[in-house]
Protein backbone atom coordinates (compact mmCIF):
# COMPACT_ATOMS: atom_id res chain seq x y z
CA UNK A 1 56.71 -71.02 -30.76
CA UNK A 2 54.46 -71.33 -27.68
CA UNK A 3 51.19 -73.23 -28.07
CA UNK A 4 48.61 -70.57 -28.98
CA UNK A 5 45.73 -72.70 -27.71
CA UNK A 6 47.27 -72.76 -24.25
CA UNK A 7 48.50 -69.19 -24.13
CA UNK A 8 45.75 -67.10 -25.68
CA UNK A 9 45.86 -63.34 -25.21
CA UNK A 10 43.45 -62.20 -22.51
CA UNK A 11 40.71 -59.93 -23.84
CA UNK A 12 38.89 -57.72 -21.39
CA UNK A 13 38.94 -58.53 -17.68
CA UNK A 14 40.81 -61.51 -16.27
CA UNK A 15 38.62 -64.47 -15.30
CA UNK A 16 39.95 -66.37 -12.25
CA UNK A 17 40.17 -70.15 -12.42
CA UNK A 18 37.60 -72.22 -10.56
CA UNK A 19 38.79 -74.17 -7.53
CA UNK A 20 35.92 -76.49 -6.57
CA UNK A 21 32.97 -78.48 -7.88
CA UNK A 22 29.43 -77.80 -6.72
CA UNK A 23 26.86 -80.39 -5.63
CA UNK A 24 25.43 -80.56 -9.15
CA UNK A 25 28.84 -81.39 -10.64
CA UNK A 26 29.59 -77.96 -12.10
CA UNK A 27 32.78 -76.00 -11.54
CA UNK A 28 32.56 -73.16 -9.03
CA UNK A 29 34.45 -70.78 -6.76
CA UNK A 30 34.87 -71.94 -3.17
CA UNK A 31 34.03 -69.59 -0.31
CA UNK A 32 36.58 -68.92 2.40
CA UNK A 33 35.76 -70.67 5.71
CA UNK A 34 34.44 -67.40 7.19
CA UNK A 35 32.28 -66.68 4.15
CA UNK A 36 31.03 -70.27 4.13
CA UNK A 37 30.03 -70.20 7.82
CA UNK A 38 28.23 -66.89 7.33
CA UNK A 39 26.38 -68.34 4.32
CA UNK A 40 25.27 -71.43 6.24
CA UNK A 41 24.28 -69.38 9.29
CA UNK A 42 22.20 -66.95 7.22
CA UNK A 43 20.45 -69.54 5.03
CA UNK A 44 20.78 -72.94 6.70
CA UNK A 45 18.10 -74.60 8.80
CA UNK A 46 19.80 -78.00 9.27
CA UNK A 47 17.08 -79.53 7.11
CA UNK A 48 17.61 -81.50 3.90
CA UNK A 49 18.08 -79.37 0.78
CA UNK A 50 17.86 -80.45 -2.86
CA UNK A 51 21.52 -81.51 -2.91
CA UNK A 52 22.48 -82.09 0.75
CA UNK A 53 20.89 -83.79 3.74
CA UNK A 54 20.77 -82.39 7.28
CA UNK A 55 23.76 -84.44 8.48
CA UNK A 56 25.96 -83.12 5.67
CA UNK A 57 25.02 -79.55 6.58
CA UNK A 58 25.83 -80.16 10.23
CA UNK A 59 29.21 -81.68 9.38
CA UNK A 60 30.01 -78.70 7.16
CA UNK A 61 29.25 -76.17 9.91
CA UNK A 62 31.28 -78.12 12.48
CA UNK A 63 34.15 -78.33 9.99
CA UNK A 64 34.14 -74.59 9.31
CA UNK A 65 34.17 -73.82 13.04
CA UNK A 66 37.17 -76.06 13.69
CA UNK A 67 39.36 -73.69 11.69
CA UNK A 68 37.82 -70.36 12.72
CA UNK A 69 38.48 -68.16 15.73
CA UNK A 70 35.85 -68.09 18.45
CA UNK A 71 35.25 -64.34 18.08
CA UNK A 72 34.08 -64.72 14.49
CA UNK A 73 31.84 -67.65 15.46
CA UNK A 74 30.29 -65.53 18.23
CA UNK A 75 29.70 -62.57 15.90
CA UNK A 76 28.14 -64.88 13.32
CA UNK A 77 25.77 -66.34 15.91
CA UNK A 78 24.60 -62.88 16.97
CA UNK A 79 24.21 -61.62 13.40
CA UNK A 80 22.32 -64.71 12.24
CA UNK A 81 19.93 -64.45 15.18
CA UNK A 82 19.39 -60.69 15.44
CA UNK A 83 19.51 -59.77 11.76
CA UNK A 84 18.63 -63.05 10.05
CA UNK A 85 16.12 -64.30 12.66
CA UNK A 86 17.61 -67.77 12.26
CA UNK A 87 17.20 -70.44 14.95
CA UNK A 88 19.03 -73.77 14.76
CA UNK A 89 22.48 -72.70 13.56
CA UNK A 90 22.82 -69.74 16.00
CA UNK A 91 21.96 -72.17 18.82
CA UNK A 92 24.52 -74.64 17.42
CA UNK A 93 27.19 -71.92 17.30
CA UNK A 94 26.51 -71.13 20.96
CA UNK A 95 26.96 -74.81 21.79
CA UNK A 96 30.27 -74.79 19.90
CA UNK A 97 31.38 -71.74 21.91
CA UNK A 98 30.69 -73.68 25.13
CA UNK A 99 33.68 -75.81 24.17
CA UNK A 100 35.74 -73.26 22.24
CA UNK A 101 35.46 -70.10 24.36
CA UNK A 102 33.22 -69.94 27.44
CA UNK A 103 33.80 -66.21 28.01
CA UNK A 104 32.42 -65.38 24.58
CA UNK A 105 29.49 -67.74 25.12
CA UNK A 106 28.60 -65.80 28.26
CA UNK A 107 28.62 -62.53 26.29
CA UNK A 108 26.47 -63.66 23.37
CA UNK A 109 24.12 -66.08 25.16
CA UNK A 110 21.45 -63.50 26.15
CA UNK A 111 21.40 -62.04 22.62
CA UNK A 112 21.14 -65.38 20.80
CA UNK A 113 19.16 -67.52 23.25
CA UNK A 114 16.42 -64.93 23.50
CA UNK A 115 13.24 -67.00 23.84
CA UNK A 116 11.97 -70.38 24.99
CA UNK A 117 12.37 -72.09 21.64
CA UNK A 118 15.99 -70.99 21.36
CA UNK A 119 16.64 -72.19 24.90
CA UNK A 120 15.23 -75.63 24.10
CA UNK A 121 17.28 -75.73 20.87
CA UNK A 122 20.46 -74.95 22.79
CA UNK A 123 19.83 -77.56 25.47
CA UNK A 124 18.88 -80.20 22.90
CA UNK A 125 22.09 -79.59 20.91
CA UNK A 126 24.25 -79.63 24.04
CA UNK A 127 22.79 -82.94 25.24
CA UNK A 128 23.14 -84.59 21.82
CA UNK A 129 26.92 -84.87 22.02
CA UNK A 130 27.28 -83.06 18.69
CA UNK A 131 29.85 -80.58 20.01
CA UNK A 132 31.75 -83.12 22.09
CA UNK A 133 29.77 -83.16 25.34
CA UNK A 134 26.57 -84.88 26.45
CA UNK A 135 25.76 -82.67 29.43
CA UNK A 136 25.37 -78.94 29.85
CA UNK A 137 28.42 -78.31 32.02
CA UNK A 138 28.83 -75.75 34.80
CA UNK A 139 28.74 -72.48 32.87
CA UNK A 140 25.99 -73.43 30.39
CA UNK A 141 23.87 -74.61 33.33
CA UNK A 142 24.37 -71.25 35.01
CA UNK A 143 23.44 -69.39 31.81
CA UNK A 144 20.25 -71.45 31.46
CA UNK A 145 19.39 -70.81 35.12
CA UNK A 146 19.90 -67.08 34.58
CA UNK A 147 17.61 -67.26 31.54
CA UNK A 148 14.78 -68.33 33.87
CA UNK A 149 15.76 -66.02 36.71
CA UNK A 150 15.79 -62.88 34.54
CA UNK A 151 12.27 -63.40 33.16
CA UNK A 152 8.89 -62.74 34.72
CA UNK A 153 6.71 -65.76 35.60
CA UNK A 154 4.16 -64.97 32.87
CA UNK A 155 6.95 -64.78 30.26
CA UNK A 156 8.28 -68.18 31.28
CA UNK A 157 4.82 -69.74 31.17
CA UNK A 158 3.98 -68.30 27.75
CA UNK A 159 7.27 -69.59 26.33
CA UNK A 160 6.95 -73.06 27.84
CA UNK A 161 5.24 -74.55 24.76
CA UNK A 162 7.24 -77.31 23.10
CA UNK A 163 8.86 -80.69 23.70
CA UNK A 164 12.18 -82.51 23.26
CA UNK A 165 13.23 -81.11 25.64
CA UNK A 166 10.28 -79.60 27.45
CA UNK A 167 10.67 -76.85 30.02
CA UNK A 168 10.05 -79.53 32.63
CA UNK A 169 13.13 -81.40 31.37
CA UNK A 170 15.22 -78.22 31.38
CA UNK A 171 14.11 -77.18 34.86
CA UNK A 172 15.02 -80.60 36.24
CA UNK A 173 18.48 -80.24 34.69
CA UNK A 174 19.42 -76.77 35.92
CA UNK A 175 17.32 -76.22 39.11
CA UNK A 176 16.88 -72.43 39.00
CA UNK A 177 16.48 -70.83 42.43
CA UNK A 178 12.94 -69.42 42.87
CA UNK A 179 12.99 -65.71 43.71
CA UNK A 180 9.65 -65.95 45.54
CA UNK A 181 6.62 -68.19 46.07
CA UNK A 182 5.22 -67.34 42.64
CA UNK A 183 8.37 -68.63 40.89
CA UNK A 184 8.44 -71.67 43.17
CA UNK A 185 4.84 -72.52 42.29
CA UNK A 186 5.48 -71.90 38.58
CA UNK A 187 8.48 -74.23 38.46
CA UNK A 188 6.58 -76.89 40.38
CA UNK A 189 3.57 -76.54 38.06
CA UNK A 190 5.74 -76.92 34.95
CA UNK A 191 7.37 -80.13 36.21
CA UNK A 192 4.04 -81.62 37.31
CA UNK A 193 4.24 -81.18 41.08
CA UNK A 194 1.31 -80.41 43.34
CA UNK A 195 1.59 -76.73 44.25
CA UNK A 196 -0.46 -74.11 46.05
CA UNK A 197 -2.95 -72.79 43.52
CA UNK A 198 -3.00 -69.37 45.19
CA UNK A 199 0.75 -68.99 44.68
CA UNK A 200 0.58 -69.61 40.94
CA UNK A 201 0.99 -66.61 38.61
CA UNK A 202 -2.34 -65.05 37.70
CA UNK A 203 -2.05 -66.14 34.05
CA UNK A 204 -1.88 -69.83 35.07
CA UNK A 205 -4.80 -69.46 37.45
CA UNK A 206 -6.94 -68.00 34.65
CA UNK A 207 -5.82 -70.77 32.29
CA UNK A 208 -6.75 -73.50 34.78
CA UNK A 209 -10.14 -71.93 35.52
CA UNK A 210 -10.83 -71.79 31.78
CA UNK A 211 -9.76 -75.42 31.26
CA UNK A 212 -12.08 -76.57 34.01
CA UNK A 213 -15.02 -74.60 32.61
CA UNK A 214 -15.09 -72.35 35.68
CA UNK A 215 -14.48 -69.25 33.55
CA UNK A 216 -15.61 -68.26 30.06
CA UNK A 217 -12.95 -65.59 29.68
CA UNK A 218 -10.33 -66.82 27.19
CA UNK A 219 -6.93 -66.45 28.89
CA UNK A 220 -4.08 -64.62 27.17
CA UNK A 221 -1.92 -67.70 26.63
CA UNK A 222 -0.18 -69.13 23.55
CA UNK A 223 -2.47 -70.46 20.86
CA UNK A 224 -1.02 -73.97 21.18
CA UNK A 225 -2.24 -74.22 24.78
CA UNK A 226 -5.83 -73.64 23.69
CA UNK A 227 -6.20 -75.74 20.54
CA UNK A 228 -6.55 -79.04 22.41
CA UNK A 229 -9.52 -77.69 24.38
CA UNK A 230 -13.17 -78.13 23.25
CA UNK A 231 -13.82 -74.55 22.12
CA UNK A 232 -16.97 -73.13 20.53
CA UNK A 233 -17.19 -70.33 17.96
CA UNK A 234 -17.52 -67.74 20.72
CA UNK A 235 -14.21 -68.78 22.29
CA UNK A 236 -12.47 -68.92 18.91
CA UNK A 237 -13.70 -65.41 18.16
CA UNK A 238 -12.26 -64.21 21.45
CA UNK A 239 -8.94 -65.92 20.68
CA UNK A 240 -8.81 -64.20 17.30
CA UNK A 241 -9.72 -60.87 18.89
CA UNK A 242 -6.78 -61.08 21.32
CA UNK A 243 -4.27 -62.80 19.02
CA UNK A 244 -0.95 -61.22 18.16
CA UNK A 245 0.08 -60.48 14.60
CA UNK A 246 2.10 -63.66 14.02
CA UNK A 247 -0.56 -65.92 15.54
CA UNK A 248 -3.13 -64.28 13.29
CA UNK A 249 -1.06 -64.79 10.14
CA UNK A 250 -0.41 -68.43 10.95
CA UNK A 251 -4.00 -69.36 11.80
CA UNK A 252 -6.23 -67.74 9.19
CA UNK A 253 -7.50 -71.14 8.02
CA UNK A 254 -8.16 -72.19 11.60
CA UNK A 255 -10.14 -69.04 12.33
CA UNK A 256 -12.17 -69.50 9.14
CA UNK A 257 -12.85 -73.15 9.98
CA UNK A 258 -14.25 -72.22 13.39
CA UNK A 259 -16.55 -69.49 12.11
CA UNK A 260 -14.60 -66.42 13.24
CA UNK A 261 -15.03 -64.72 9.86
CA UNK A 262 -18.81 -65.13 9.95
CA UNK A 263 -18.73 -61.88 11.92
CA UNK A 264 -17.99 -58.91 9.62
CA UNK A 265 -16.60 -56.96 12.56
CA UNK A 266 -13.98 -59.69 13.10
CA UNK A 267 -13.08 -59.70 9.40
CA UNK A 268 -12.36 -55.98 9.58
CA UNK A 269 -10.47 -56.33 12.86
CA UNK A 270 -8.23 -59.11 11.54
CA UNK A 271 -7.63 -57.34 8.21
CA UNK A 272 -6.64 -54.11 9.96
CA UNK A 273 -4.29 -56.03 12.23
CA UNK A 274 -2.61 -57.76 9.29
CA UNK A 275 -1.97 -54.49 7.43
CA UNK A 276 -0.84 -52.57 10.53
CA UNK A 277 2.67 -51.34 9.69
CA UNK A 278 3.86 -51.16 13.32
CA UNK A 279 2.68 -54.71 14.04
CA UNK A 280 4.36 -56.00 10.87
CA UNK A 281 7.71 -54.49 11.87
CA UNK A 282 7.37 -55.75 15.43
CA UNK A 283 6.65 -59.29 14.19
CA UNK A 284 9.86 -59.29 12.08
CA UNK A 285 8.02 -61.26 9.44
CA UNK A 286 9.83 -62.62 6.40
CA UNK A 287 8.17 -61.59 3.11
CA UNK A 288 8.09 -65.25 2.06
CA UNK A 289 5.93 -66.01 5.10
CA UNK A 290 3.43 -63.44 3.86
CA UNK A 291 3.59 -65.03 0.42
CA UNK A 292 2.77 -68.41 2.00
CA UNK A 293 -0.19 -66.92 3.87
CA UNK A 294 -1.42 -65.18 0.73
CA UNK A 295 -1.17 -68.38 -1.34
CA UNK A 296 -3.10 -70.24 1.33
CA UNK A 297 -5.91 -67.68 1.37
CA UNK A 298 -6.06 -67.76 -2.42
CA UNK A 299 -6.62 -71.50 -2.25
CA UNK A 300 -9.35 -71.20 0.40
CA UNK A 301 -12.39 -69.50 -1.09
CA UNK A 302 -14.05 -69.32 2.34
CA UNK A 303 -11.55 -66.73 3.57
CA UNK A 304 -12.93 -63.22 2.93
CA UNK A 305 -11.37 -61.13 0.17
CA UNK A 306 -10.66 -58.36 2.67
CA UNK A 307 -8.19 -60.66 4.45
CA UNK A 308 -6.40 -61.48 1.19
CA UNK A 309 -6.17 -57.77 0.34
CA UNK A 310 -4.74 -57.05 3.78
CA UNK A 311 -1.95 -59.57 3.18
CA UNK A 312 -1.08 -57.77 -0.06
CA UNK A 313 -0.88 -54.50 1.87
CA UNK A 314 1.27 -56.21 4.49
CA UNK A 315 3.67 -57.37 1.79
CA UNK A 316 4.12 -53.81 0.53
CA UNK A 317 5.08 -52.80 4.07
CA UNK A 318 7.36 -55.79 4.62
CA UNK A 319 9.50 -54.96 1.57
CA UNK A 320 9.62 -51.20 2.04
CA UNK A 321 13.35 -51.45 2.76
CA UNK A 322 13.98 -52.52 -0.84
CA UNK A 323 15.95 -49.57 -2.23
CA UNK A 324 15.26 -47.42 -5.25
CA UNK A 325 18.39 -48.01 -7.33
CA UNK A 326 19.91 -45.41 -9.64
CA UNK A 327 20.52 -46.65 -13.17
CA UNK A 328 19.49 -49.72 -15.12
CA UNK A 329 18.89 -52.89 -13.11
CA UNK A 330 18.63 -56.50 -14.31
CA UNK A 331 17.22 -59.14 -11.95
CA UNK A 332 17.97 -62.75 -12.87
CA UNK A 333 15.83 -65.24 -10.88
CA UNK A 334 16.75 -68.92 -11.12
CA UNK A 335 13.67 -71.03 -11.96
CA UNK A 336 15.50 -74.35 -12.47
CA UNK A 337 14.50 -77.71 -11.00
CA UNK A 338 16.52 -77.47 -7.79
CA UNK A 339 14.74 -74.20 -7.01
CA UNK A 340 11.49 -76.15 -6.64
CA UNK A 341 12.73 -77.55 -3.32
CA UNK A 342 11.34 -76.15 -0.02
CA UNK A 343 13.03 -72.90 0.95
CA UNK A 344 13.77 -74.02 4.51
CA UNK A 345 14.60 -77.60 3.58
CA UNK A 346 12.82 -80.87 4.22
CA UNK A 347 12.09 -82.16 7.72
CA UNK A 348 9.24 -84.47 8.64
CA UNK A 349 6.39 -82.43 10.07
CA UNK A 350 7.93 -79.02 9.38
CA UNK A 351 8.56 -78.78 5.64
CA UNK A 352 7.69 -75.34 4.29
CA UNK A 353 5.27 -74.98 1.40
CA UNK A 354 7.35 -72.04 0.16
CA UNK A 355 9.93 -73.04 -2.45
CA UNK A 356 13.28 -71.47 -3.31
CA UNK A 357 11.63 -70.50 -6.59
CA UNK A 358 8.96 -68.55 -4.71
CA UNK A 359 11.63 -66.57 -2.89
CA UNK A 360 13.50 -65.80 -6.12
CA UNK A 361 10.23 -64.65 -7.66
CA UNK A 362 9.40 -62.57 -4.60
CA UNK A 363 12.78 -60.81 -4.57
CA UNK A 364 12.46 -60.07 -8.28
CA UNK A 365 8.93 -58.71 -7.93
CA UNK A 366 9.90 -56.56 -4.94
CA UNK A 367 12.82 -54.98 -6.79
CA UNK A 368 10.63 -54.36 -9.84
CA UNK A 369 7.99 -52.73 -7.65
CA UNK A 370 10.49 -50.17 -6.33
CA UNK A 371 12.40 -49.89 -9.63
CA UNK A 372 9.88 -49.87 -12.53
CA UNK A 373 12.62 -49.62 -15.17
CA UNK A 374 14.26 -52.85 -13.96
CA UNK A 375 14.19 -55.87 -16.26
CA UNK A 376 13.53 -59.34 -14.90
CA UNK A 377 15.19 -62.16 -16.87
CA UNK A 378 14.23 -65.58 -15.41
CA UNK A 379 16.38 -68.54 -16.40
CA UNK A 380 16.90 -72.29 -16.14
CA UNK A 381 18.42 -74.00 -19.18
CA UNK A 382 16.31 -71.64 -21.30
CA UNK A 383 15.03 -68.07 -21.09
CA UNK A 384 11.23 -68.10 -20.95
CA UNK A 385 9.58 -64.95 -22.23
CA UNK A 386 7.71 -63.04 -19.55
CA UNK A 387 6.44 -59.48 -19.32
CA UNK A 388 5.75 -58.10 -15.87
CA UNK A 389 3.84 -54.94 -15.06
CA UNK A 390 5.66 -52.91 -12.37
CA UNK A 391 2.30 -51.52 -11.28
CA UNK A 392 0.96 -54.96 -10.43
CA UNK A 393 1.27 -56.02 -6.81
CA UNK A 394 4.31 -57.89 -5.60
CA UNK A 395 2.12 -60.94 -4.95
CA UNK A 396 0.80 -60.91 -8.52
CA UNK A 397 4.20 -60.67 -10.21
CA UNK A 398 5.74 -63.22 -7.86
CA UNK A 399 2.93 -65.61 -8.77
CA UNK A 400 3.58 -65.12 -12.50
CA UNK A 401 7.30 -65.88 -12.12
CA UNK A 402 6.76 -68.89 -9.86
CA UNK A 403 4.57 -70.59 -12.50
CA UNK A 404 7.11 -70.44 -15.35
CA UNK A 405 8.37 -73.75 -16.83
CA UNK A 406 11.49 -75.15 -15.20
CA UNK A 407 14.60 -77.01 -16.41
CA UNK A 408 18.30 -77.54 -15.69
CA UNK A 409 20.57 -74.85 -14.23
CA UNK A 410 22.59 -72.57 -16.51
CA UNK A 411 23.50 -69.45 -14.54
CA UNK A 412 25.45 -67.84 -17.38
CA UNK A 413 22.53 -67.93 -19.84
CA UNK A 414 20.86 -64.60 -18.93
CA UNK A 415 24.18 -62.75 -18.94
CA UNK A 416 25.05 -64.26 -22.32
CA UNK A 417 21.69 -63.01 -23.59
CA UNK A 418 22.38 -59.50 -22.27
CA UNK A 419 25.77 -59.55 -23.97
CA UNK A 420 24.19 -60.63 -27.26
CA UNK A 421 21.94 -57.60 -26.98
CA UNK A 422 24.92 -55.38 -26.14
CA UNK A 423 22.84 -54.37 -23.14
CA UNK A 424 23.97 -51.54 -20.90
CA UNK A 425 23.33 -51.64 -17.18
CA UNK A 426 24.47 -50.55 -13.74
CA UNK A 427 23.46 -53.48 -11.54
CA UNK A 428 22.89 -57.18 -12.17
CA UNK A 429 21.27 -59.24 -9.39
CA UNK A 430 21.20 -63.05 -9.35
CA UNK A 431 18.77 -64.88 -7.06
CA UNK A 432 19.79 -68.53 -7.18
CA UNK A 433 21.10 -71.58 -5.37
CA UNK A 434 24.13 -71.26 -7.69
CA UNK A 435 24.12 -74.93 -8.66
CA UNK A 436 24.98 -74.30 -12.31
CA UNK A 437 26.18 -77.34 -14.26
CA UNK A 438 25.00 -77.13 -17.89
CA UNK A 439 27.45 -74.35 -18.74
CA UNK A 440 30.49 -75.95 -17.08
CA UNK A 441 33.70 -75.66 -19.08
CA UNK A 442 35.79 -78.76 -18.43
CA UNK A 443 39.03 -76.95 -19.23
CA UNK A 444 41.56 -77.21 -16.44
CA UNK A 445 42.37 -73.50 -16.31
CA UNK A 446 39.04 -71.85 -17.02
CA UNK A 447 36.65 -69.81 -14.93
CA UNK A 448 32.91 -70.32 -14.71
CA UNK A 449 30.87 -69.41 -17.76
CA UNK A 450 28.96 -66.96 -15.55
CA UNK A 451 32.16 -65.14 -14.58
CA UNK A 452 33.32 -65.03 -18.19
CA UNK A 453 29.97 -63.59 -19.29
CA UNK A 454 30.06 -61.08 -16.44
CA UNK A 455 33.52 -59.89 -17.42
CA UNK A 456 32.26 -59.30 -20.95
CA UNK A 457 29.33 -57.31 -19.54
CA UNK A 458 31.68 -55.43 -17.20
CA UNK A 459 34.05 -54.56 -20.04
CA UNK A 460 31.16 -52.84 -21.77
CA UNK A 461 29.76 -51.32 -18.54
CA UNK A 462 32.79 -50.21 -16.54
CA UNK A 463 30.97 -49.17 -13.36
CA UNK A 464 28.43 -52.01 -13.27
CA UNK A 465 28.05 -54.11 -10.10
CA UNK A 466 27.11 -57.79 -9.73
CA UNK A 467 25.18 -59.06 -6.70
CA UNK A 468 24.70 -62.80 -6.17
CA UNK A 469 21.96 -63.61 -3.65
CA UNK A 470 22.69 -67.20 -2.64
CA UNK A 471 19.53 -68.51 -1.00
CA UNK A 472 20.71 -71.99 0.01
CA UNK A 473 23.46 -73.23 2.37
CA UNK A 474 26.28 -74.16 0.01
CA UNK A 475 29.93 -73.14 0.22
CA UNK A 476 30.58 -71.92 -3.31
CA UNK A 477 29.35 -69.54 -5.98
CA UNK A 478 29.42 -68.98 -9.73
CA UNK A 479 30.83 -65.44 -9.58
């Protein structure tokens, strides 16, 4: 008679065996190389995460690309930049294409390397030797030259902020041909040469006059160019008046510190700008960036309440694409210890204050806002009790979730609870880094506990769907 412990009858849906181990030591399902590259491109910033450092992430991406066709790499670079608004990995993928397929690089370069920061990222990666070369090479040099030659002088100047490499370094490398005296003067100015002042673009002339105290009109230049200058409240007020949406969001504390909000007219102007739906869409702001700004204003009692309220309005606009879902929805945000790590990873001088937990809470609150009958079941190694009011603002509910007690990671726990309740539902959404380890079954032929619990739920709810939102760059999942 066959061993009954080995050959049990399968009840319900078949659970596939796991084929890898995650960074926390739990069993998991490995992504295909294409899926893995897409995951890293959409979530990775080449900064240290809770379980992996920046070098490990880089090695993973390079490894995936070795075994993938250049066309998929090119499509991933475009998608990650245009739809995900990512920076470092799309630039890295372009650098990889410079070795793998130059024709495809030429096609995607203008879509991916679309501003000064991306250009500097690309050049920095190319010169580092990471993709097998320490110089730009003929075609990449031409593409960088064309980047300069297809932009107006004022665009180039405004995007020249930044170092390592600076625009001066890049210009000395590629030597773009000036189209006229204005371009010639601009390039000379950026690399520190003496040039004819009259030939400089008007924006630079105004900036230089302002720096020298010859003009009191604040020039329309990037914020970073002005902050080193000795400015009074009047100048700061003018900067705030002319600032774009993103600059405004990022510098609310700075404006408060320099007295801009002492003027009630400026408070109203800034608040109206922040809640302007067209400006929000144009800025392509991430909801978590609004959450960070809101949290900052909450901590600074000197910032007027009207500004804080405007950020709440902006959040409602930023998440308006969240769908209204037919049927019963369960949202399962991971609040475990690894979710306390910075959402964009750790890098000296640029570590985000927003945690993975904050993003999970934000996604949950946004879905609840659009779907009042949804149930939010936060989890770690326990299931803390929480009752959210769908009528509360997204900011309020996200704040409640982000303050819940944390613990180890057990991704199957909320599904097991739903099964105990014999719960019926149409959609289950996980928001997690998927580093489950507490519920790992050490059996050699078993699936994850999450997948087993899902199959039980699915057996009871035949048409139900499971969505796993993986918010960190790892190459595996629990279901």
